[in-house]
Protein backbone atom coordinates (compact mmCIF):
# COMPACT_ATOMS: atom_id res chain seq x y z
CA MET A 1 25.17 -8.54 -15.88
CA PHE A 2 23.00 -6.88 -13.82
CA GLU A 3 22.44 -3.04 -13.10
CA ASP A 4 22.23 -1.97 -9.36
CA GLN A 5 18.67 -2.52 -8.45
CA ARG A 6 16.92 -3.95 -5.17
CA PRO A 7 15.19 -7.72 -6.75
CA LEU A 8 13.83 -10.35 -4.55
CA GLY A 9 14.47 -14.11 -4.74
CA PHE A 10 17.12 -15.43 -7.18
CA PHE A 11 18.29 -11.96 -8.19
CA HIS A 12 18.86 -10.85 -4.74
CA ASP A 13 22.63 -11.06 -5.14
CA LYS A 14 22.99 -9.86 -8.64
CA ASN A 15 26.48 -10.44 -8.82
CA ARG A 16 26.04 -14.27 -7.59
CA ALA A 17 23.09 -14.38 -10.17
CA PHE A 18 25.21 -13.34 -13.23
CA TRP A 19 27.95 -16.12 -12.39
CA ILE A 20 25.33 -18.60 -12.21
CA LEU A 21 23.77 -17.74 -15.32
CA GLN A 22 26.98 -16.82 -17.23
CA GLY A 23 28.81 -20.15 -16.15
CA GLY A 24 25.70 -22.29 -16.47
CA GLY A 25 24.72 -20.87 -20.11
CA TRP A 26 28.31 -21.22 -21.30
CA VAL A 27 28.41 -24.73 -19.85
CA ALA A 28 25.63 -25.90 -21.41
CA TYR A 29 26.85 -24.84 -24.76
CA LEU A 30 29.83 -26.50 -24.41
CA LEU A 31 28.16 -29.62 -23.65
CA LEU A 32 25.93 -29.03 -26.62
CA ARG A 33 28.63 -28.71 -29.11
CA ALA A 34 30.71 -31.60 -27.43
CA LEU A 35 27.52 -33.62 -27.72
CA SER A 36 26.72 -32.82 -31.32
CA GLY A 37 29.88 -33.25 -32.69
CA LEU A 38 29.97 -36.87 -30.94
CA ALA A 39 26.76 -37.27 -32.38
CA ASN A 40 27.80 -36.67 -35.99
CA SER A 41 31.09 -38.85 -35.57
CA MET A 42 33.14 -35.75 -35.22
CA GLY A 43 35.34 -37.84 -32.67
CA VAL A 44 36.70 -36.71 -29.37
CA ALA A 45 39.22 -34.45 -31.09
CA PHE A 46 36.27 -31.85 -31.89
CA ILE A 47 35.88 -31.58 -27.97
CA LEU A 48 39.16 -28.92 -27.73
CA PRO A 49 38.11 -26.58 -30.48
CA ALA A 50 34.70 -26.47 -28.76
CA VAL A 51 36.18 -25.53 -25.49
CA ILE A 52 38.51 -22.93 -27.32
CA VAL A 53 35.37 -21.50 -28.72
CA THR A 54 33.24 -21.67 -25.62
CA ALA A 55 36.14 -19.82 -23.83
CA THR A 56 35.98 -17.34 -26.52
CA GLY A 57 32.26 -16.86 -26.10
CA PHE A 58 32.61 -16.39 -22.37
CA SER A 59 35.43 -14.16 -22.51
CA LEU A 60 33.25 -12.15 -25.22
CA THR A 61 30.33 -12.03 -23.23
CA LEU A 62 32.16 -10.35 -20.31
CA LEU A 63 33.24 -7.93 -22.09
CA MET A 64 29.91 -6.91 -24.14
CA ALA A 65 28.07 -7.18 -20.23
CA ALA A 66 30.42 -4.26 -19.33
CA ALA A 67 29.39 -2.39 -22.18
CA TYR A 68 26.03 -3.02 -21.96
CA ARG A 69 25.97 -2.15 -18.30
CA ARG A 70 26.94 1.59 -19.83
CA ILE A 71 24.58 1.59 -22.77
CA ILE A 72 21.26 0.03 -21.19
CA VAL A 73 20.84 3.55 -19.40
CA MET A 74 20.87 5.31 -22.65
CA LYS A 75 17.89 6.59 -25.09
CA PRO A 76 16.62 3.71 -26.89
CA VAL A 77 17.73 4.72 -30.12
CA TYR A 78 21.52 4.56 -29.16
CA VAL A 79 20.81 1.54 -27.14
CA TRP A 80 19.82 -0.57 -30.01
CA THR A 81 22.47 1.38 -32.64
CA LEU A 82 25.37 0.39 -30.10
CA THR A 83 24.08 -2.90 -29.23
CA LEU A 84 24.04 -3.69 -33.11
CA ILE A 85 27.22 -2.21 -33.73
CA ILE A 86 28.93 -4.19 -30.53
CA LEU A 87 27.06 -7.51 -31.53
CA GLY A 88 28.42 -7.26 -35.30
CA GLY A 89 31.78 -6.78 -34.25
CA ALA A 90 31.60 -9.48 -31.53
CA SER A 91 30.33 -11.95 -33.86
CA ALA A 92 32.96 -11.31 -36.54
CA LEU A 93 35.52 -11.78 -33.92
CA PHE A 94 33.92 -14.96 -32.62
CA SER A 95 33.77 -16.33 -35.95
CA VAL A 96 37.47 -15.63 -36.71
CA LEU A 97 38.39 -17.38 -33.68
CA GLU A 98 35.85 -20.44 -34.08
CA VAL A 99 37.59 -20.81 -37.58
CA TRP A 100 41.10 -20.46 -36.47
CA ALA A 101 40.44 -23.19 -33.43
CA HIS A 102 38.56 -25.65 -35.80
CA ALA A 103 41.06 -25.07 -38.62
CA THR A 104 44.00 -25.49 -36.02
CA PHE A 105 43.03 -28.29 -33.71
CA TYR A 106 40.47 -30.45 -35.45
CA GLN A 107 41.03 -30.07 -39.46
CA PRO A 108 44.42 -28.30 -40.21
CA GLY A 109 44.48 -26.17 -43.36
CA TRP A 110 40.44 -25.93 -43.47
CA GLN A 111 39.19 -22.62 -44.73
CA PRO A 112 35.32 -22.03 -45.16
CA GLN A 113 34.23 -20.87 -48.06
CA GLY A 114 30.84 -19.22 -49.34
CA ILE A 115 27.98 -20.67 -47.41
CA GLU A 116 30.39 -22.50 -44.98
CA PHE A 117 31.65 -19.20 -44.46
CA LEU A 118 28.40 -17.07 -44.05
CA GLY A 119 27.22 -20.41 -41.62
CA ALA A 120 29.84 -19.55 -39.16
CA ILE A 121 29.24 -16.24 -38.69
CA LEU A 122 24.97 -16.63 -38.53
CA LEU A 123 25.76 -19.11 -36.14
CA ASP A 124 28.18 -17.11 -33.55
CA PHE A 125 25.52 -13.94 -34.29
CA SER A 126 22.67 -16.13 -33.08
CA VAL A 127 24.42 -17.35 -30.22
CA LEU A 128 25.64 -13.87 -28.85
CA ALA A 129 22.42 -12.27 -30.31
CA ALA A 130 20.89 -14.62 -27.86
CA TRP A 131 22.89 -13.54 -25.14
CA SER A 132 22.49 -10.25 -25.45
CA GLY A 133 18.65 -10.57 -25.71
CA LEU A 134 18.66 -12.57 -22.50
CA TYR A 135 20.98 -9.57 -20.95
CA TYR A 136 18.59 -7.16 -21.82
CA GLY A 137 15.20 -8.97 -20.89
CA ILE A 138 16.71 -9.44 -17.46
CA ASN A 139 18.03 -6.07 -16.86
CA TYR A 140 14.77 -4.42 -17.81
CA TYR A 141 12.38 -6.87 -15.78
CA LEU A 142 14.66 -5.80 -13.04
CA LEU A 143 14.37 -2.23 -13.96
CA LEU A 144 10.55 -2.76 -14.13
CA SER A 145 10.23 -4.69 -10.97
CA GLU A 146 12.74 -1.96 -8.85
CA GLN A 147 10.18 1.15 -10.86
CA SER A 148 7.06 -0.94 -9.76
CA GLU A 149 7.85 -1.36 -6.00
CA ARG A 150 8.93 2.42 -5.90
CA MET A 151 5.62 3.38 -7.30
CA ILE A 152 4.04 1.01 -4.73
CA ASN A 153 6.08 2.58 -1.77
CA VAL A 154 5.40 6.18 -3.31
CA ALA A 155 1.51 5.20 -3.55
CA ALA A 156 1.58 3.64 0.00
CA GLN A 157 3.47 6.84 1.52
CA ALA A 158 1.02 9.02 -0.19
CA ASN A 159 -1.79 7.17 1.11
CA SER A 160 -0.30 7.07 4.67
CA ALA A 161 0.34 11.02 4.76
CA GLN A 162 -3.42 11.56 3.51
CA LEU A 163 -4.66 9.18 6.08
CA GLU A 164 -2.52 11.17 8.63
CA MET A 165 -3.53 14.55 7.02
CA LEU A 166 -7.23 13.27 7.18
CA ARG A 167 -6.78 11.82 11.04
CA TYR A 168 -5.11 15.29 12.31
CA GLN A 169 -8.55 17.49 10.99
CA LEU A 170 -9.61 18.34 14.35
CA ASN A 171 -12.17 21.09 14.07
CA PRO A 172 -10.58 24.29 15.36
CA HIS A 173 -13.90 25.20 16.90
CA PHE A 174 -13.28 22.38 19.32
CA LEU A 175 -10.19 23.98 20.27
CA PHE A 176 -11.13 27.49 20.77
CA ASN A 177 -14.32 26.34 22.49
CA THR A 178 -12.49 24.09 25.18
CA LEU A 179 -9.24 27.00 25.54
CA ASN A 180 -11.74 29.45 26.22
CA SER A 181 -14.17 27.48 28.92
CA ILE A 182 -10.73 26.78 30.47
CA SER A 183 -10.15 30.07 30.79
CA THR A 184 -13.58 31.05 31.89
CA LEU A 185 -12.88 28.41 34.65
CA VAL A 186 -9.56 30.13 35.60
CA LEU A 187 -11.34 33.74 35.68
CA LEU A 188 -14.05 32.52 37.87
CA LYS A 189 -10.86 30.66 40.03
CA GLN A 190 -12.77 27.06 39.56
CA THR A 191 -9.09 25.98 39.54
CA GLU A 192 -9.76 22.27 40.14
CA ARG A 193 -12.27 22.02 37.30
CA ALA A 194 -9.96 24.24 34.64
CA ASN A 195 -6.92 21.61 35.65
CA ALA A 196 -9.33 18.72 35.29
CA MET A 197 -10.63 20.04 31.70
CA LEU A 198 -7.19 21.06 30.72
CA SER A 199 -5.68 17.41 31.76
CA ARG A 200 -8.15 15.73 29.35
CA LEU A 201 -7.69 18.17 26.72
CA ALA A 202 -3.98 17.02 27.26
CA SER A 203 -4.91 13.17 26.98
CA PHE A 204 -7.28 13.33 24.02
CA LEU A 205 -4.77 15.83 21.89
CA ARG A 206 -1.51 12.99 22.86
CA TYR A 207 -4.32 10.32 21.67
CA SER A 208 -5.22 12.23 18.28
CA LEU A 209 -1.12 12.57 17.64
CA VAL A 210 0.71 9.91 18.96
CA GLY A 211 -1.56 6.88 17.76
CA GLU A 212 -0.17 4.10 16.24
CA ARG A 213 1.87 4.47 12.78
CA GLU A 214 -0.51 2.79 10.59
CA GLY A 215 -3.48 5.25 12.13
CA LEU A 216 -5.14 2.52 13.48
CA ALA A 217 -6.78 2.24 17.17
CA THR A 218 -8.80 -0.56 18.95
CA VAL A 219 -12.44 -0.16 19.99
CA ALA A 220 -11.54 0.04 23.35
CA GLN A 221 -9.07 2.86 22.54
CA GLU A 222 -11.41 4.62 20.27
CA ALA A 223 -14.32 4.60 23.26
CA GLU A 224 -11.51 6.04 25.65
CA ALA A 225 -10.86 9.06 23.16
CA LEU A 226 -14.48 9.89 23.01
CA LYS A 227 -14.98 9.71 26.69
CA LEU A 228 -12.08 12.31 27.00
CA TYR A 229 -13.67 14.42 24.48
CA LEU A 230 -17.13 13.92 25.63
CA ASP A 231 -15.89 14.94 29.24
CA ILE A 232 -14.39 17.95 28.02
CA GLU A 233 -17.73 18.99 26.15
CA ARG A 234 -19.57 17.92 29.16
CA THR A 235 -17.75 20.84 31.30
CA ARG A 236 -19.78 23.29 28.72
CA PHE A 237 -22.96 21.71 28.12
CA GLU A 238 -23.19 19.86 31.72
CA SER A 239 -26.59 18.26 31.83
CA ARG A 240 -27.86 18.88 28.59
CA LEU A 241 -24.96 16.52 26.88
CA ARG A 242 -26.53 12.89 27.82
CA THR A 243 -24.42 9.89 26.52
CA ARG A 244 -24.15 6.23 26.61
CA PHE A 245 -21.77 3.64 24.97
CA ASP A 246 -23.22 0.24 24.12
CA ILE A 247 -19.94 -1.65 23.13
CA ALA A 248 -20.18 -5.41 22.82
CA PRO A 249 -17.42 -7.20 24.77
CA ASP A 250 -16.56 -9.00 21.48
CA VAL A 251 -15.35 -6.11 19.66
CA MET A 252 -13.07 -4.16 22.12
CA GLU A 253 -9.97 -5.27 20.31
CA ALA A 254 -11.35 -4.77 17.12
CA ARG A 255 -9.26 -2.49 15.13
CA LEU A 256 -10.50 0.99 13.22
CA PRO A 257 -9.08 4.32 11.65
CA SER A 258 -8.38 5.97 14.60
CA LEU A 259 -10.57 9.24 15.59
CA LEU A 260 -13.01 8.05 12.99
CA LEU A 261 -16.17 8.41 15.17
CA GLN A 262 -15.00 11.67 16.59
CA PRO A 263 -16.37 14.17 13.89
CA ILE A 264 -19.82 12.09 14.19
CA VAL A 265 -19.82 12.76 17.73
CA GLU A 266 -19.04 16.43 17.31
CA ASN A 267 -21.63 17.08 14.56
CA ALA A 268 -23.98 15.25 16.65
CA ILE A 269 -22.90 17.90 19.68
CA LYS A 270 -23.36 20.87 17.39
CA TYR A 271 -26.62 19.90 15.96
CA ALA A 272 -28.22 18.00 18.53
CA VAL A 273 -27.05 19.30 21.89
CA THR A 274 -26.24 23.06 20.95
CA PRO A 275 -29.47 24.45 19.40
CA SER A 276 -31.92 22.44 22.05
CA GLU A 277 -32.34 24.11 25.56
CA ASP A 278 -32.88 20.44 27.12
CA GLY A 279 -29.67 19.25 25.00
CA ALA A 280 -29.79 15.52 23.60
CA ASP A 281 -28.94 11.98 24.05
CA ILE A 282 -26.14 10.55 22.28
CA LEU A 283 -25.64 6.71 22.02
CA ILE A 284 -22.45 5.06 20.50
CA ASP A 285 -22.80 1.64 19.69
CA ALA A 286 -20.62 -0.78 18.60
CA ARG A 287 -20.99 -4.73 17.68
CA ARG A 288 -20.00 -7.72 15.61
CA MET A 289 -22.13 -8.90 12.97
CA ALA A 290 -20.53 -12.23 11.65
CA ASP A 291 -17.30 -10.63 9.63
CA ARG A 292 -18.25 -6.96 10.26
CA LEU A 293 -17.84 -4.49 12.75
CA VAL A 294 -20.92 -1.95 12.44
CA LEU A 295 -20.68 0.88 14.60
CA THR A 296 -23.69 3.60 15.09
CA VAL A 297 -23.69 7.12 16.56
CA ALA A 298 -27.37 7.96 17.30
CA ASP A 299 -28.95 11.00 18.58
CA THR A 300 -32.16 12.82 19.27
CA GLY A 301 -31.71 15.90 17.64
CA PRO A 302 -33.44 17.58 14.67
CA GLY A 303 -32.25 14.71 12.37
CA LEU A 304 -32.09 15.05 8.59
CA ALA A 305 -34.60 18.07 8.90
CA GLY A 306 -33.42 21.15 6.65
CA SER A 307 -30.93 19.12 5.13
CA ASN A 308 -28.80 19.68 1.82
CA GLY A 309 -29.16 17.84 -1.40
CA ASP A 310 -26.83 15.57 -0.21
CA GLY A 311 -29.16 14.19 2.52
CA MET A 312 -26.60 15.90 5.21
CA PRO A 313 -27.17 18.61 7.93
CA GLY A 314 -26.03 21.81 6.81
CA GLY A 315 -22.44 22.65 7.77
CA THR A 316 -21.27 18.84 8.35
CA GLN A 317 -20.14 18.26 4.97
CA VAL A 318 -16.56 18.61 5.82
CA GLY A 319 -16.42 16.27 8.43
CA LEU A 320 -18.67 13.60 6.99
CA ALA A 321 -16.44 14.15 3.61
CA ASN A 322 -13.07 13.31 5.96
CA ILE A 323 -14.92 10.19 7.06
CA ARG A 324 -15.58 9.08 3.58
CA GLU A 325 -12.30 9.58 2.44
CA ARG A 326 -10.85 7.83 5.20
CA LEU A 327 -12.84 4.68 4.67
CA VAL A 328 -12.34 4.59 1.03
CA GLN A 329 -8.06 4.68 1.42
CA ALA A 330 -8.86 2.16 4.64
CA TYR A 331 -11.24 -0.35 2.77
CA GLY A 332 -12.03 0.49 -0.58
CA GLU A 333 -15.34 -0.36 -1.78
CA ASP A 334 -15.37 -2.66 1.36
CA HIS A 335 -17.41 -0.47 3.76
CA ARG A 336 -20.82 1.20 4.24
CA PHE A 337 -21.32 4.80 5.71
CA GLU A 338 -25.13 5.66 5.95
CA LEU A 339 -27.15 8.27 7.35
CA ALA A 340 -30.82 7.79 8.58
CA GLU A 341 -33.82 9.38 10.64
CA ASN A 342 -33.89 8.32 14.02
CA SER A 343 -37.10 7.14 15.63
CA PRO A 344 -39.13 9.20 17.42
CA GLN A 345 -36.34 12.11 15.75
CA GLY A 346 -32.76 12.58 15.60
CA LEU A 347 -30.27 11.01 13.35
CA ILE A 348 -28.24 7.72 13.03
CA VAL A 349 -24.77 7.34 11.14
CA LEU A 350 -23.95 3.79 10.66
CA ILE A 351 -20.47 2.73 9.61
CA ASP A 352 -19.95 -1.05 8.30
CA ILE A 353 -16.32 -2.21 8.12
CA PRO A 354 -14.28 -5.61 8.08
CA TYR A 355 -14.03 -7.00 11.15
CA GLN A 356 -10.10 -7.04 11.97
CA THR A 357 -8.06 -7.34 15.04
CA GLU A 358 -4.36 -7.09 15.58
CA ALA A 359 -3.75 -10.95 14.72
CA SER A 360 -6.14 -11.30 11.99
CA HIS A 361 -7.12 -9.99 8.53
CA ALA A 362 -10.51 -8.99 7.31
CA VAL A 363 -12.73 -11.65 5.83
CA VAL A 364 -15.01 -10.28 2.63
CA GLY A 365 -18.72 -11.28 3.70
CA GLY A 366 -21.86 -11.25 1.46
CA ASP A 367 -24.46 -8.55 0.96
CA ASP A 368 -26.32 -9.77 3.98
CA ARG A 369 -23.72 -8.89 6.25
CA ILE A 370 -25.42 -6.72 8.74
CA GLU A 371 -29.05 -6.47 9.61
CA ASN A 372 -31.25 -3.24 8.78
CA ARG A 373 -30.56 -1.26 11.94
CA MET A 374 -32.54 1.98 10.95
CA GLY A 375 -35.75 3.01 10.18
CA ALA A 376 -38.74 1.27 12.27
CA ASN A 377 -36.74 -1.83 13.22
CA ASN A 378 -34.50 0.31 15.30
CA PRO A 379 -36.36 2.37 18.07
CA GLY A 380 -33.03 4.69 18.15
CA PRO A 381 -31.48 5.75 21.62
CA GLN A 382 -34.04 6.30 24.56
CA PRO A 383 -33.27 9.17 27.13
CA VAL A 384 -30.29 7.91 29.27
CA PRO A 385 -28.56 9.31 32.27
CA ALA A 386 -25.48 11.20 31.49
CA HIS A 387 -22.18 9.55 31.18
């Protein structure tokens, strides 16, 4: 009765579901007719023709199911036309056999006349039409469920592919500068430093390419990846790049999209450390506030001075757009991503996302879920020793 789909629950085994509904439905039909005859004082003899009529309907609907199985995949106009033809023919045959059973086993010699004959046809047509409606209703429901499941899977795959694409968008300038630095160290015969830098680069790339399938990492893993990245960059900038990690112990196992902070730190190096002879300080902070994970990256660079109309330092749009898109893909509207001036100077990037661990789910919080960490209430990162 049901097509080749992948339903769940009762319809997981379509063949079993068909026979349960088919058998149960016609047994109920038999009981209804038999009890109706007894209630109308037609006697026990009425049960035999009721059994024959039920067997007839059972057999006819098996043949109809075989036909409908081929019709249901056609265009609607053909489905309706062929269904009406089959339904009309089956109803006529059903009525003939019902009249024969009644006239042979219950009331010999009886022949329906006028309204009696019409009533027999209409009754049998109604029964088979109801069966046909149930057949198509169930099958179209299963087809719709299959298509919905397929669309959900396709959407999930597209979402996963987009997240992976965003995740792998490492700045080619970083790779170029790193390889150029390694080449310079090799030419200067500083093989130990070159090997160390190459090893860190390999570890960082391995982390970026091999991470968890769903693209999530713990805060601890993300911090280790950032330290690898900063160690690579420190080979170029030495004491000009000063970093500090301030990560609360209770967020180490919290999960976030992997490599989420790397583009922010990369922008801080590019726009705070590179232009300044004295370099800059970069602070990476992570802490839990109620049911939220709050991440901040602050630097002591020029801040939003000379920003474009979007309030972003020139040239950072690609990296920050990447982060915004990843946050939308992962959390929908349940996140915050803000930029603000640091005090006394520099830039603060804040990310506020649901606090999640491997064994828990996010809990939606209220609008007061985080405190104001920017402006005058936040003194910003102070000069700190190099990591």
